[in-house]
Amino acid sequence: MKAEEFVSSSNVSAFILAALALVVTASIAGGYMNLVSGLTLVVNLLMALILLSINARLGTKAAKKR
């Protein structure tokens, strides 16, 4: 499965929900600082996914031009 397909599919919303659920449970267990670091982790993962999708799109465009 390509990164672009993964990003465009409904997997991303499920992934985000799972990550948020993890963050919430961790924050309940460990307090406020865990919530903050967990949210930054989720944001970082989202940025990585977005960059992967952009990379995949640029790669397919470059391949089509050749």
Protein backbone atom coordinates (compact mmCIF):
# COMPACT_ATOMS: atom_id res chain seq x y z
CA MET A 1 0.00 0.00 0.00
CA LYS A 2 1.42 3.35 -1.08
CA ALA A 3 1.64 6.30 1.28
CA GLU A 4 -0.68 8.36 -0.93
CA GLU A 5 -3.39 5.67 -0.83
CA PHE A 6 -3.01 5.42 2.94
CA VAL A 7 -3.32 9.16 3.41
CA SER A 8 -6.32 9.52 1.12
CA SER A 9 -8.21 6.59 2.64
CA SER A 10 -10.29 6.50 5.80
CA ASN A 11 -7.36 4.88 7.61
CA VAL A 12 -6.12 8.32 8.59
CA SER A 13 -9.25 9.27 10.51
CA ALA A 14 -9.19 5.94 12.33
CA PHE A 15 -5.48 6.43 13.04
CA ILE A 16 -6.10 9.91 14.44
CA LEU A 17 -8.95 8.67 16.64
CA ALA A 18 -6.81 5.83 17.99
CA ALA A 19 -3.91 8.20 18.67
CA LEU A 20 -6.20 10.66 20.46
CA ALA A 21 -7.70 7.86 22.56
CA LEU A 22 -4.17 6.80 23.53
CA VAL A 23 -3.30 10.38 24.46
CA VAL A 24 -6.43 10.77 26.59
CA THR A 25 -5.85 7.51 28.48
CA ALA A 26 -2.19 8.40 29.03
CA SER A 27 -3.14 11.84 30.33
CA ILE A 28 -5.67 10.35 32.75
CA ALA A 29 -2.97 7.99 34.01
CA GLY A 30 -0.10 10.47 34.17
CA GLY A 31 -1.48 13.97 34.37
CA TYR A 32 -1.11 17.19 32.42
CA MET A 33 2.45 16.86 31.08
CA ASN A 34 1.63 13.53 29.44
CA LEU A 35 -1.30 15.17 27.68
CA VAL A 36 0.93 17.91 26.25
CA SER A 37 3.67 15.53 25.08
CA GLY A 38 1.06 13.14 23.69
CA LEU A 39 -0.59 15.88 21.67
CA THR A 40 2.78 16.99 20.28
CA LEU A 41 3.42 13.37 19.29
CA VAL A 42 0.09 13.20 17.45
CA VAL A 43 0.84 16.48 15.66
CA ASN A 44 4.29 15.21 14.65
CA LEU A 45 2.80 11.98 13.29
CA LEU A 46 0.24 13.97 11.30
CA MET A 47 2.98 16.18 9.85
CA ALA A 48 4.94 13.08 8.86
CA LEU A 49 1.87 11.62 7.11
CA ILE A 50 1.22 14.88 5.26
CA LEU A 51 4.85 15.08 4.14
CA LEU A 52 4.71 11.45 2.99
CA SER A 53 1.62 12.14 0.90
CA ILE A 54 3.20 15.24 -0.66
CA ASN A 55 6.33 13.24 -1.44
CA ALA A 56 4.28 10.47 -3.03
CA ARG A 57 2.34 12.95 -5.18
CA LEU A 58 5.50 14.72 -6.34
CA GLY A 59 7.13 11.37 -7.07
CA THR A 60 4.24 10.20 -9.25
CA LYS A 61 4.18 13.53 -11.12
CA ALA A 62 7.92 13.32 -11.79
CA ALA A 63 7.58 9.71 -12.95
CA LYS A 64 4.78 10.65 -15.37
CA LYS A 65 6.90 13.42 -16.93
CA ARG A 66 9.76 11.05 -17.74
